[in-house]
Amino acid sequence: IDRGEKLPAKFKSQLFENVPEVELVWAGKTSEVTNVVLP
């Protein structure tokens, strides 16, 4: 963390709650979506 490196995926279930048993992962995946509103 001090070096700004990404944490290994193997620690995910130990660091976070409600981690799914099976998860699809790819580089750049994010659950954030655009909220733009256009007329």
Full PDB file with SEQRES, HELIX, SHEET, SSBOND, CRYST1, ORIGX, SCALE, CONECT and MASTER records, all heavy atoms in Angstrom:
SEQRES   1 A   39  ILE ASP ARG GLY GLU LYS LEU PRO ALA LYS PHE LYS SER          
SEQRES   2 A   39  GLN LEU PHE GLU ASN VAL PRO GLU VAL GLU LEU VAL TRP          
SEQRES   3 A   39  ALA GLY LYS THR SER GLU VAL THR ASN VAL VAL LEU PRO          
HELIX    1 AA1 ALA A    9  PHE A   11  5                                   3    
HELIX    2 AA2 LYS A   12  LEU A   15  1                                   4    
CRYST1    1.000    1.000    1.000  90.00  90.00  90.00 P 1           1          
ORIGX1      1.000000  0.000000  0.000000        0.00000                         
ORIGX2      0.000000  1.000000  0.000000        0.00000                         
ORIGX3      0.000000  0.000000  1.000000        0.00000                         
SCALE1      1.000000  0.000000  0.000000        0.00000                         
SCALE2      0.000000  1.000000  0.000000        0.00000                         
SCALE3      0.000000  0.000000  1.000000        0.00000                         
ATOM      1  N   ILE A   1       0.842  -1.209   0.000  1.00  0.00           N  
ATOM      2  CA  ILE A   1       0.000   0.000   0.000  1.00  0.00           C  
ATOM      3  C   ILE A   1       0.868   1.247   0.000  1.00  0.00           C  
ATOM      4  O   ILE A   1       0.609   2.220  -0.720  1.00  0.00           O  
ATOM      5  CB  ILE A   1      -0.953  -0.019   1.212  1.00  0.00           C  
ATOM      6  CG1 ILE A   1      -1.978  -1.161   1.065  1.00  0.00           C  
ATOM      7  CG2 ILE A   1      -1.675   1.324   1.353  1.00  0.00           C  
ATOM      8  CD1 ILE A   1      -2.827  -1.383   2.295  1.00  0.00           C  
ATOM      9  N   ASP A   2       1.946   1.223   0.817  1.00  0.00           N  
ATOM     10  CA  ASP A   2       2.849   2.376   0.868  1.00  0.00           C  
ATOM     11  C   ASP A   2       3.500   2.637  -0.487  1.00  0.00           C  
ATOM     12  O   ASP A   2       3.757   3.790  -0.855  1.00  0.00           O  
ATOM     13  CB  ASP A   2       3.929   2.142   1.935  1.00  0.00           C  
ATOM     14  CG  ASP A   2       3.368   2.191   3.355  1.00  0.00           C  
ATOM     15  OD1 ASP A   2       2.262   2.764   3.512  1.00  0.00           O  
ATOM     16  OD2 ASP A   2       4.008   1.650   4.278  1.00  0.00           O  
ATOM     17  N   ARG A   3       3.755   1.579  -1.242  1.00  0.00           N  
ATOM     18  CA  ARG A   3       4.381   1.732  -2.550  1.00  0.00           C  
ATOM     19  C   ARG A   3       3.360   2.011  -3.657  1.00  0.00           C  
ATOM     20  O   ARG A   3       3.722   2.209  -4.808  1.00  0.00           O  
ATOM     21  CB  ARG A   3       5.179   0.467  -2.898  1.00  0.00           C  
ATOM     22  CG  ARG A   3       6.396   0.221  -2.016  1.00  0.00           C  
ATOM     23  CD  ARG A   3       7.302  -0.849  -2.616  1.00  0.00           C  
ATOM     24  NE  ARG A   3       6.626  -2.135  -2.740  1.00  0.00           N  
ATOM     25  CZ  ARG A   3       6.670  -3.098  -1.810  1.00  0.00           C  
ATOM     26  NH1 ARG A   3       7.362  -2.901  -0.673  1.00  0.00           N  
ATOM     27  NH2 ARG A   3       6.059  -4.241  -1.997  1.00  0.00           N  
ATOM     28  N   GLY A   4       2.078   2.003  -3.295  1.00  0.00           N  
ATOM     29  CA  GLY A   4       1.027   2.264  -4.283  1.00  0.00           C  
ATOM     30  C   GLY A   4       0.785   1.105  -5.222  1.00  0.00           C  
ATOM     31  O   GLY A   4       0.292   1.294  -6.341  1.00  0.00           O  
ATOM     32  N   GLU A   5       1.106  -0.116  -4.792  1.00  0.00           N  
ATOM     33  CA  GLU A   5       0.932  -1.286  -5.633  1.00  0.00           C  
ATOM     34  C   GLU A   5      -0.461  -1.901  -5.443  1.00  0.00           C  
ATOM     35  O   GLU A   5      -1.085  -1.731  -4.388  1.00  0.00           O  
ATOM     36  CB  GLU A   5       2.001  -2.337  -5.299  1.00  0.00           C  
ATOM     37  CG  GLU A   5       3.425  -1.866  -5.546  1.00  0.00           C  
ATOM     38  CD  GLU A   5       4.450  -2.905  -5.113  1.00  0.00           C  
ATOM     39  OE1 GLU A   5       4.027  -3.987  -4.662  1.00  0.00           O  
ATOM     40  OE2 GLU A   5       5.663  -2.631  -5.221  1.00  0.00           O  
ATOM     41  N   LYS A   6      -0.920  -2.627  -6.454  1.00  0.00           N  
ATOM     42  CA  LYS A   6      -2.192  -3.338  -6.346  1.00  0.00           C  
ATOM     43  C   LYS A   6      -2.025  -4.532  -5.422  1.00  0.00           C  
ATOM     44  O   LYS A   6      -1.008  -5.216  -5.439  1.00  0.00           O  
ATOM     45  CB  LYS A   6      -2.669  -3.808  -7.729  1.00  0.00           C  
ATOM     46  CG  LYS A   6      -3.107  -2.668  -8.641  1.00  0.00           C  
ATOM     47  CD  LYS A   6      -3.666  -3.224  -9.941  1.00  0.00           C  
ATOM     48  CE  LYS A   6      -4.174  -2.103 -10.830  1.00  0.00           C  
ATOM     49  NZ  LYS A   6      -4.738  -2.620 -12.118  1.00  0.00           N  
ATOM     50  N   LEU A   7      -3.074  -4.798  -4.639  1.00  0.00           N  
ATOM     51  CA  LEU A   7      -3.010  -5.906  -3.702  1.00  0.00           C  
ATOM     52  C   LEU A   7      -3.363  -7.207  -4.411  1.00  0.00           C  
ATOM     53  O   LEU A   7      -4.212  -7.234  -5.287  1.00  0.00           O  
ATOM     54  CB  LEU A   7      -3.984  -5.678  -2.546  1.00  0.00           C  
ATOM     55  CG  LEU A   7      -3.783  -4.376  -1.749  1.00  0.00           C  
ATOM     56  CD1 LEU A   7      -4.760  -4.312  -0.600  1.00  0.00           C  
ATOM     57  CD2 LEU A   7      -2.342  -4.278  -1.238  1.00  0.00           C  
ATOM     58  N   PRO A   8      -2.730  -8.313  -4.039  1.00  0.00           N  
ATOM     59  CA  PRO A   8      -3.027  -9.606  -4.663  1.00  0.00           C  
ATOM     60  C   PRO A   8      -4.483 -10.011  -4.443  1.00  0.00           C  
ATOM     61  O   PRO A   8      -5.060  -9.775  -3.376  1.00  0.00           O  
ATOM     62  CB  PRO A   8      -2.077 -10.572  -3.945  1.00  0.00           C  
ATOM     63  CG  PRO A   8      -0.981  -9.709  -3.400  1.00  0.00           C  
ATOM     64  CD  PRO A   8      -1.627  -8.405  -3.059  1.00  0.00           C  
ATOM     65  N   ALA A   9      -5.082 -10.617  -5.465  1.00  0.00           N  
ATOM     66  CA  ALA A   9      -6.493 -10.996  -5.398  1.00  0.00           C  
ATOM     67  C   ALA A   9      -6.765 -12.029  -4.311  1.00  0.00           C  
ATOM     68  O   ALA A   9      -7.882 -12.113  -3.800  1.00  0.00           O  
ATOM     69  CB  ALA A   9      -6.938 -11.537  -6.759  1.00  0.00           C  
ATOM     70  N   LYS A  10      -5.740 -12.795  -3.924  1.00  0.00           N  
ATOM     71  CA  LYS A  10      -5.959 -13.856  -2.942  1.00  0.00           C  
ATOM     72  C   LYS A  10      -6.360 -13.308  -1.568  1.00  0.00           C  
ATOM     73  O   LYS A  10      -6.921 -14.042  -0.751  1.00  0.00           O  
ATOM     74  CB  LYS A  10      -4.697 -14.708  -2.805  1.00  0.00           C  
ATOM     75  CG  LYS A  10      -3.498 -13.952  -2.228  1.00  0.00           C  
ATOM     76  CD  LYS A  10      -2.292 -14.866  -2.091  1.00  0.00           C  
ATOM     77  CE  LYS A  10      -1.104 -14.137  -1.460  1.00  0.00           C  
ATOM     78  NZ  LYS A  10       0.065 -15.033  -1.312  1.00  0.00           N  
ATOM     79  N   PHE A  11      -6.092 -12.006  -1.310  1.00  0.00           N  
ATOM     80  CA  PHE A  11      -6.447 -11.417  -0.018  1.00  0.00           C  
ATOM     81  C   PHE A  11      -7.854 -10.798  -0.012  1.00  0.00           C  
ATOM     82  O   PHE A  11      -8.295 -10.296   1.004  1.00  0.00           O  
ATOM     83  CB  PHE A  11      -5.430 -10.333   0.367  1.00  0.00           C  
ATOM     84  CG  PHE A  11      -4.060 -10.872   0.651  1.00  0.00           C  
ATOM     85  CD1 PHE A  11      -2.987 -10.511  -0.161  1.00  0.00           C  
ATOM     86  CD2 PHE A  11      -3.837 -11.725   1.715  1.00  0.00           C  
ATOM     87  CE1 PHE A  11      -1.719 -11.004   0.090  1.00  0.00           C  
ATOM     88  CE2 PHE A  11      -2.567 -12.212   1.976  1.00  0.00           C  
ATOM     89  CZ  PHE A  11      -1.506 -11.852   1.159  1.00  0.00           C  
ATOM     90  N   LYS A  12      -8.530 -10.836  -1.147  1.00  0.00           N  
ATOM     91  CA  LYS A  12      -9.805 -10.133  -1.265  1.00  0.00           C  
ATOM     92  C   LYS A  12     -10.834 -10.641  -0.258  1.00  0.00           C  
ATOM     93  O   LYS A  12     -11.517  -9.859   0.405  1.00  0.00           O  
ATOM     94  CB  LYS A  12     -10.349 -10.283  -2.691  1.00  0.00           C  
ATOM     95  CG  LYS A  12     -11.542  -9.406  -2.996  1.00  0.00           C  
ATOM     96  CD  LYS A  12     -11.884  -9.461  -4.476  1.00  0.00           C  
ATOM     97  CE  LYS A  12     -13.022  -8.496  -4.796  1.00  0.00           C  
ATOM     98  NZ  LYS A  12     -13.345  -8.504  -6.248  1.00  0.00           N  
ATOM     99  N   SER A  13     -10.958 -11.973  -0.142  1.00  0.00           N  
ATOM    100  CA  SER A  13     -11.971 -12.532   0.755  1.00  0.00           C  
ATOM    101  C   SER A  13     -11.656 -12.268   2.219  1.00  0.00           C  
ATOM    102  O   SER A  13     -12.550 -12.279   3.071  1.00  0.00           O  
ATOM    103  CB  SER A  13     -12.096 -14.039   0.523  1.00  0.00           C  
ATOM    104  OG  SER A  13     -10.862 -14.683   0.772  1.00  0.00           O  
ATOM    105  N   GLN A  14     -10.367 -12.024   2.532  1.00  0.00           N  
ATOM    106  CA  GLN A  14      -9.987 -11.754   3.919  1.00  0.00           C  
ATOM    107  C   GLN A  14     -10.132 -10.280   4.288  1.00  0.00           C  
ATOM    108  O   GLN A  14     -10.308  -9.937   5.448  1.00  0.00           O  
ATOM    109  CB  GLN A  14      -8.540 -12.198   4.149  1.00  0.00           C  
ATOM    110  CG  GLN A  14      -8.336 -13.708   3.985  1.00  0.00           C  
ATOM    111  CD  GLN A  14      -6.872 -14.072   3.930  1.00  0.00           C  
ATOM    112  OE1 GLN A  14      -6.232 -13.926   2.904  1.00  0.00           O  
ATOM    113  NE2 GLN A  14      -6.348 -14.547   5.053  1.00  0.00           N  
ATOM    114  N   LEU A  15     -10.076  -9.411   3.279  1.00  0.00           N  
ATOM    115  CA  LEU A  15     -10.138  -7.977   3.547  1.00  0.00           C  
ATOM    116  C   LEU A  15     -11.547  -7.396   3.421  1.00  0.00           C  
ATOM    117  O   LEU A  15     -11.846  -6.355   4.007  1.00  0.00           O  
ATOM    118  CB  LEU A  15      -9.206  -7.231   2.581  1.00  0.00           C  
ATOM    119  CG  LEU A  15      -7.709  -7.529   2.719  1.00  0.00           C  
ATOM    120  CD1 LEU A  15      -6.942  -6.861   1.593  1.00  0.00           C  
ATOM    121  CD2 LEU A  15      -7.201  -7.037   4.072  1.00  0.00           C  
ATOM    122  N   PHE A  16     -12.413  -8.070   2.652  1.00  0.00           N  
ATOM    123  CA  PHE A  16     -13.734  -7.501   2.383  1.00  0.00           C  
ATOM    124  C   PHE A  16     -14.830  -8.498   2.715  1.00  0.00           C  
ATOM    125  O   PHE A  16     -14.651  -9.713   2.608  1.00  0.00           O  
ATOM    126  CB  PHE A  16     -13.848  -7.089   0.906  1.00  0.00           C  
ATOM    127  CG  PHE A  16     -12.802  -6.101   0.470  1.00  0.00           C  
ATOM    128  CD1 PHE A  16     -11.678  -6.531  -0.230  1.00  0.00           C  
ATOM    129  CD2 PHE A  16     -12.924  -4.753   0.766  1.00  0.00           C  
ATOM    130  CE1 PHE A  16     -10.705  -5.632  -0.626  1.00  0.00           C  
ATOM    131  CE2 PHE A  16     -11.952  -3.859   0.371  1.00  0.00           C  
ATOM    132  CZ  PHE A  16     -10.838  -4.285  -0.323  1.00  0.00           C  
ATOM    133  N   GLU A  17     -15.990  -7.963   3.092  1.00  0.00           N  
ATOM    134  CA  GLU A  17     -17.152  -8.799   3.395  1.00  0.00           C  
ATOM    135  C   GLU A  17     -17.963  -9.045   2.122  1.00  0.00           C  
ATOM    136  O   GLU A  17     -17.868  -8.308   1.141  1.00  0.00           O  
ATOM    137  CB  GLU A  17     -18.046  -8.127   4.437  1.00  0.00           C  
ATOM    138  CG  GLU A  17     -17.399  -7.979   5.804  1.00  0.00           C  
ATOM    139  CD  GLU A  17     -18.328  -7.322   6.801  1.00  0.00           C  
ATOM    140  OE1 GLU A  17     -19.374  -6.781   6.379  1.00  0.00           O  
ATOM    141  OE2 GLU A  17     -17.994  -7.361   7.996  1.00  0.00           O  
ATOM    142  N   ASN A  18     -18.788 -10.099   2.178  1.00  0.00           N  
ATOM    143  CA  ASN A  18     -19.733 -10.427   1.100  1.00  0.00           C  
ATOM    144  C   ASN A  18     -19.057 -10.567  -0.266  1.00  0.00           C  
ATOM    145  O   ASN A  18     -19.557 -10.092  -1.279  1.00  0.00           O  
ATOM    146  CB  ASN A  18     -20.843  -9.357   1.011  1.00  0.00           C  
ATOM    147  CG  ASN A  18     -21.601  -9.209   2.308  1.00  0.00           C  
ATOM    148  OD1 ASN A  18     -21.891 -10.195   2.977  1.00  0.00           O  
ATOM    149  ND2 ASN A  18     -21.926  -7.978   2.670  1.00  0.00           N  
ATOM    150  N   VAL A  19     -17.900 -11.190  -0.279  1.00  0.00           N  
ATOM    151  CA  VAL A  19     -17.216 -11.445  -1.543  1.00  0.00           C  
ATOM    152  C   VAL A  19     -17.862 -12.668  -2.193  1.00  0.00           C  
ATOM    153  O   VAL A  19     -18.014 -13.710  -1.557  1.00  0.00           O  
ATOM    154  CB  VAL A  19     -15.715 -11.705  -1.321  1.00  0.00           C  
ATOM    155  CG1 VAL A  19     -15.033 -12.060  -2.631  1.00  0.00           C  
ATOM    156  CG2 VAL A  19     -15.073 -10.481  -0.699  1.00  0.00           C  
ATOM    157  N   PRO A  20     -18.313 -12.572  -3.450  1.00  0.00           N  
ATOM    158  CA  PRO A  20     -18.952 -13.722  -4.097  1.00  0.00           C  
ATOM    159  C   PRO A  20     -17.997 -14.883  -4.249  1.00  0.00           C  
ATOM    160  O   PRO A  20     -16.787 -14.707  -4.374  1.00  0.00           O  
ATOM    161  CB  PRO A  20     -19.378 -13.159  -5.463  1.00  0.00           C  
ATOM    162  CG  PRO A  20     -18.501 -11.975  -5.685  1.00  0.00           C  
ATOM    163  CD  PRO A  20     -18.235 -11.392  -4.331  1.00  0.00           C  
ATOM    164  N   GLU A  21     -18.575 -16.106  -4.216  1.00  0.00           N  
ATOM    165  CA  GLU A  21     -17.748 -17.302  -4.353  1.00  0.00           C  
ATOM    166  C   GLU A  21     -17.080 -17.351  -5.724  1.00  0.00           C  
ATOM    167  O   GLU A  21     -15.947 -17.795  -5.859  1.00  0.00           O  
ATOM    168  CB  GLU A  21     -18.613 -18.550  -4.146  1.00  0.00           C  
ATOM    169  CG  GLU A  21     -19.154 -18.684  -2.723  1.00  0.00           C  
ATOM    170  CD  GLU A  21     -19.960 -19.953  -2.553  1.00  0.00           C  
ATOM    171  OE1 GLU A  21     -19.985 -20.767  -3.503  1.00  0.00           O  
ATOM    172  OE2 GLU A  21     -20.551 -20.132  -1.483  1.00  0.00           O  
ATOM    173  N   VAL A  22     -17.815 -16.958  -6.754  1.00  0.00           N  
ATOM    174  CA  VAL A  22     -17.280 -16.935  -8.110  1.00  0.00           C  
ATOM    175  C   VAL A  22     -17.467 -15.543  -8.672  1.00  0.00           C  
ATOM    176  O   VAL A  22     -18.557 -14.964  -8.579  1.00  0.00           O  
ATOM    177  CB  VAL A  22     -17.996 -17.969  -9.016  1.00  0.00           C  
ATOM    178  CG1 VAL A  22     -17.440 -17.903 -10.429  1.00  0.00           C  
ATOM    179  CG2 VAL A  22     -17.845 -19.375  -8.451  1.00  0.00           C  
ATOM    180  N   GLU A  23     -16.437 -14.974  -9.237  1.00  0.00           N  
ATOM    181  CA  GLU A  23     -16.521 -13.607  -9.736  1.00  0.00           C  
ATOM    182  C   GLU A  23     -15.751 -13.487 -11.037  1.00  0.00           C  
ATOM    183  O   GLU A  23     -14.653 -14.048 -11.180  1.00  0.00           O  
ATOM    184  CB  GLU A  23     -15.954 -12.631  -8.703  1.00  0.00           C  
ATOM    185  CG  GLU A  23     -16.101 -11.171  -9.115  1.00  0.00           C  
ATOM    186  CD  GLU A  23     -15.533 -10.223  -8.068  1.00  0.00           C  
ATOM    187  OE1 GLU A  23     -14.904 -10.711  -7.111  1.00  0.00           O  
ATOM    188  OE2 GLU A  23     -15.708  -8.998  -8.223  1.00  0.00           O  
ATOM    189  N   LEU A  24     -16.337 -12.776 -11.996  1.00  0.00           N  
ATOM    190  CA  LEU A  24     -15.677 -12.513 -13.268  1.00  0.00           C  
ATOM    191  C   LEU A  24     -14.838 -11.235 -13.123  1.00  0.00           C  
ATOM    192  O   LEU A  24     -15.354 -10.188 -12.745  1.00  0.00           O  
ATOM    193  CB  LEU A  24     -16.731 -12.336 -14.364  1.00  0.00           C  
ATOM    194  CG  LEU A  24     -16.225 -12.161 -15.788  1.00  0.00           C  
ATOM    195  CD1 LEU A  24     -15.501 -13.419 -16.252  1.00  0.00           C  
ATOM    196  CD2 LEU A  24     -17.385 -11.855 -16.728  1.00  0.00           C  
ATOM    197  N   VAL A  25     -13.568 -11.340 -13.426  1.00  0.00           N  
ATOM    198  CA  VAL A  25     -12.656 -10.213 -13.223  1.00  0.00           C  
ATOM    199  C   VAL A  25     -11.858  -9.987 -14.508  1.00  0.00           C  
ATOM    200  O   VAL A  25     -11.444 -10.936 -15.166  1.00  0.00           O  
ATOM    201  CB  VAL A  25     -11.680 -10.479 -12.052  1.00  0.00           C  
ATOM    202  CG1 VAL A  25     -10.714  -9.309 -11.877  1.00  0.00           C  
ATOM    203  CG2 VAL A  25     -12.447 -10.731 -10.777  1.00  0.00           C  
ATOM    204  N   TRP A  26     -11.705  -8.718 -14.878  1.00  0.00           N  
ATOM    205  CA  TRP A  26     -10.827  -8.360 -15.990  1.00  0.00           C  
ATOM    206  C   TRP A  26     -10.214  -7.002 -15.677  1.00  0.00           C  
ATOM    207  O   TRP A  26     -10.701  -6.270 -14.799  1.00  0.00           O  
ATOM    208  CB  TRP A  26     -11.590  -8.328 -17.312  1.00  0.00           C  
ATOM    209  CG  TRP A  26     -12.681  -7.297 -17.389  1.00  0.00           C  
ATOM    210  CD1 TRP A  26     -12.577  -5.992 -17.763  1.00  0.00           C  
ATOM    211  CD2 TRP A  26     -14.061  -7.495 -17.045  1.00  0.00           C  
ATOM    212  NE1 TRP A  26     -13.787  -5.360 -17.693  1.00  0.00           N  
ATOM    213  CE2 TRP A  26     -14.723  -6.269 -17.258  1.00  0.00           C  
ATOM    214  CE3 TRP A  26     -14.807  -8.583 -16.594  1.00  0.00           C  
ATOM    215  CZ2 TRP A  26     -16.090  -6.098 -17.020  1.00  0.00           C  
ATOM    216  CZ3 TRP A  26     -16.157  -8.415 -16.365  1.00  0.00           C  
ATOM    217  CH2 TRP A  26     -16.782  -7.188 -16.584  1.00  0.00           C  
ATOM    218  N   ALA A  27      -9.162  -6.663 -16.371  1.00  0.00           N  
ATOM    219  CA  ALA A  27      -8.476  -5.394 -16.139  1.00  0.00           C  
ATOM    220  C   ALA A  27      -9.423  -4.235 -16.432  1.00  0.00           C  
ATOM    221  O   ALA A  27     -10.041  -4.176 -17.488  1.00  0.00           O  
ATOM    222  CB  ALA A  27      -7.239  -5.303 -17.027  1.00  0.00           C  
ATOM    223  N   GLY A  28      -9.539  -3.323 -15.481  1.00  0.00           N  
ATOM    224  CA  GLY A  28     -10.373  -2.145 -15.675  1.00  0.00           C  
ATOM    225  C   GLY A  28     -11.825  -2.337 -15.282  1.00  0.00           C  
ATOM    226  O   GLY A  28     -12.646  -1.428 -15.468  1.00  0.00           O  
ATOM    227  N   LYS A  29     -12.195  -3.502 -14.726  1.00  0.00           N  
ATOM    228  CA  LYS A  29     -13.593  -3.723 -14.354  1.00  0.00           C  
ATOM    229  C   LYS A  29     -13.981  -2.800 -13.208  1.00  0.00           C  
ATOM    230  O   LYS A  29     -13.269  -2.663 -12.227  1.00  0.00           O  
ATOM    231  CB  LYS A  29     -13.811  -5.176 -13.931  1.00  0.00           C  
ATOM    232  CG  LYS A  29     -15.258  -5.467 -13.519  1.00  0.00           C  
ATOM    233  CD  LYS A  29     -15.441  -6.892 -13.045  1.00  0.00           C  
ATOM    234  CE  LYS A  29     -16.869  -7.141 -12.622  1.00  0.00           C  
ATOM    235  NZ  LYS A  29     -17.076  -8.509 -12.088  1.00  0.00           N  
ATOM    236  N   THR A  30     -15.142  -2.158 -13.351  1.00  0.00           N  
ATOM    237  CA  THR A  30     -15.675  -1.301 -12.301  1.00  0.00           C  
ATOM    238  C   THR A  30     -17.182  -1.327 -12.358  1.00  0.00           C  
ATOM    239  O   THR A  30     -17.770  -1.459 -13.438  1.00  0.00           O  
ATOM    240  CB  THR A  30     -15.179   0.150 -12.449  1.00  0.00           C  
ATOM    241  OG1 THR A  30     -15.843   0.964 -11.472  1.00  0.00           O  
ATOM    242  CG2 THR A  30     -15.487   0.706 -13.835  1.00  0.00           C  
ATOM    243  N   SER A  31     -17.824  -1.272 -11.205  1.00  0.00           N  
ATOM    244  CA  SER A  31     -19.291  -1.260 -11.140  1.00  0.00           C  
ATOM    245  C   SER A  31     -19.847   0.154 -11.252  1.00  0.00           C  
ATOM    246  O   SER A  31     -21.058   0.348 -11.209  1.00  0.00           O  
ATOM    247  CB  SER A  31     -19.767  -1.897  -9.830  1.00  0.00           C  
ATOM    248  OG  SER A  31     -19.227  -1.193  -8.715  1.00  0.00           O  
ATOM    249  N   GLU A  32     -18.953   1.141 -11.390  1.00  0.00           N  
ATOM    250  CA  GLU A  32     -19.409   2.524 -11.551  1.00  0.00           C  
ATOM    251  C   GLU A  32     -19.881   2.741 -12.980  1.00  0.00           C  
ATOM    252  O   GLU A  32     -19.208   2.353 -13.936  1.00  0.00           O  
ATOM    253  CB  GLU A  32     -18.275   3.501 -11.223  1.00  0.00           C  
ATOM    254  CG  GLU A  32     -17.820   3.451  -9.768  1.00  0.00           C  
ATOM    255  CD  GLU A  32     -16.707   4.434  -9.493  1.00  0.00           C  
ATOM    256  OE1 GLU A  32     -16.334   5.186 -10.432  1.00  0.00           O  
ATOM    257  OE2 GLU A  32     -16.199   4.457  -8.362  1.00  0.00           O  
ATOM    258  N   VAL A  33     -21.053   3.341 -13.122  1.00  0.00           N  
ATOM    259  CA  VAL A  33     -21.608   3.621 -14.446  1.00  0.00           C  
ATOM    260  C   VAL A  33     -21.887   5.112 -14.554  1.00  0.00           C  
ATOM    261  O   VAL A  33     -22.025   5.818 -13.552  1.00  0.00           O  
ATOM    262  CB  VAL A  33     -22.902   2.823 -14.710  1.00  0.00           C  
ATOM    263  CG1 VAL A  33     -22.621   1.343 -14.744  1.00  0.00           C  
ATOM    264  CG2 VAL A  33     -23.958   3.139 -13.652  1.00  0.00           C  
ATOM    265  N   THR A  34     -21.984   5.578 -15.778  1.00  0.00           N  
ATOM    266  CA  THR A  34     -22.233   7.001 -15.986  1.00  0.00           C  
ATOM    267  C   THR A  34     -23.609   7.393 -15.473  1.00  0.00           C  
ATOM    268  O   THR A  34     -24.559   6.610 -15.521  1.00  0.00           O  
ATOM    269  CB  THR A  34     -22.117   7.339 -17.486  1.00  0.00           C  
ATOM    270  OG1 THR A  34     -22.390   8.720 -17.671  1.00  0.00           O  
ATOM    271  CG2 THR A  34     -23.097   6.527 -18.318  1.00  0.00           C  
ATOM    272  N   ASN A  35     -23.734   8.600 -14.966  1.00  0.00           N  
ATOM    273  CA  ASN A  35     -25.008   9.138 -14.477  1.00  0.00           C  
ATOM    274  C   ASN A  35     -25.448  10.352 -15.281  1.00  0.00           C  
ATOM    275  O   ASN A  35     -26.262  11.146 -14.827  1.00  0.00           O  
ATOM    276  CB  ASN A  35     -24.891   9.528 -12.997  1.00  0.00           C  
ATOM    277  CG  ASN A  35     -24.731   8.316 -12.105  1.00  0.00           C  
ATOM    278  OD1 ASN A  35     -25.422   7.321 -12.279  1.00  0.00           O  
ATOM    279  ND2 ASN A  35     -23.810   8.386 -11.159  1.00  0.00           N  
ATOM    280  N   VAL A  36     -24.924  10.484 -16.489  1.00  0.00           N  
ATOM    281  CA  VAL A  36     -25.249  11.643 -17.306  1.00  0.00           C  
ATOM    282  C   VAL A  36     -26.724  11.625 -17.676  1.00  0.00           C  
ATOM    283  O   VAL A  36     -27.329  10.572 -17.838  1.00  0.00           O  
ATOM    284  CB  VAL A  36     -24.371  11.655 -18.575  1.00  0.00           C  
ATOM    285  CG1 VAL A  36     -24.714  10.484 -19.492  1.00  0.00           C  
ATOM    286  CG2 VAL A  36     -24.531  12.963 -19.331  1.00  0.00           C  
ATOM    287  N   VAL A  37     -27.312  12.812 -17.744  1.00  0.00           N  
ATOM    288  CA  VAL A  37     -28.703  12.967 -18.174  1.00  0.00           C  
ATOM    289  C   VAL A  37     -28.725  13.952 -19.333  1.00  0.00           C  
ATOM    290  O   VAL A  37     -28.342  15.113 -19.180  1.00  0.00           O  
ATOM    291  CB  VAL A  37     -29.612  13.480 -17.032  1.00  0.00           C  
ATOM    292  CG1 VAL A  37     -31.030  13.686 -17.552  1.00  0.00           C  
ATOM    293  CG2 VAL A  37     -29.596  12.511 -15.870  1.00  0.00           C  
ATOM    294  N   LEU A  38     -29.141  13.481 -20.508  1.00  0.00           N  
ATOM    295  CA  LEU A  38     -29.203  14.326 -21.691  1.00  0.00           C  
ATOM    296  C   LEU A  38     -30.660  14.503 -22.113  1.00  0.00           C  
ATOM    297  O   LEU A  38     -31.472  13.590 -21.967  1.00  0.00           O  
ATOM    298  CB  LEU A  38     -28.413  13.690 -22.844  1.00  0.00           C  
ATOM    299  CG  LEU A  38     -26.919  13.484 -22.608  1.00  0.00           C  
ATOM    300  CD1 LEU A  38     -26.313  12.753 -23.797  1.00  0.00           C  
ATOM    301  CD2 LEU A  38     -26.227  14.825 -22.397  1.00  0.00           C  
ATOM    302  N   PRO A  39     -31.014  15.667 -22.655  1.00  0.00           N  
ATOM    303  CA  PRO A  39     -32.378  15.850 -23.164  1.00  0.00           C  
ATOM    304  C   PRO A  39     -32.557  15.088 -24.466  1.00  0.00           C  
ATOM    305  O   PRO A  39     -31.616  14.943 -25.246  1.00  0.00           O  
ATOM    306  CB  PRO A  39     -32.470  17.358 -23.388  1.00  0.00           C  
ATOM    307  CG  PRO A  39     -31.068  17.781 -23.667  1.00  0.00           C  
ATOM    308  CD  PRO A  39     -30.190  16.892 -22.818  1.00  0.00           C  
TER     309      PRO A  39                                                      
MASTER        0    0    0    2    0    0    0    6  308    1    0    3          
END                                                                             
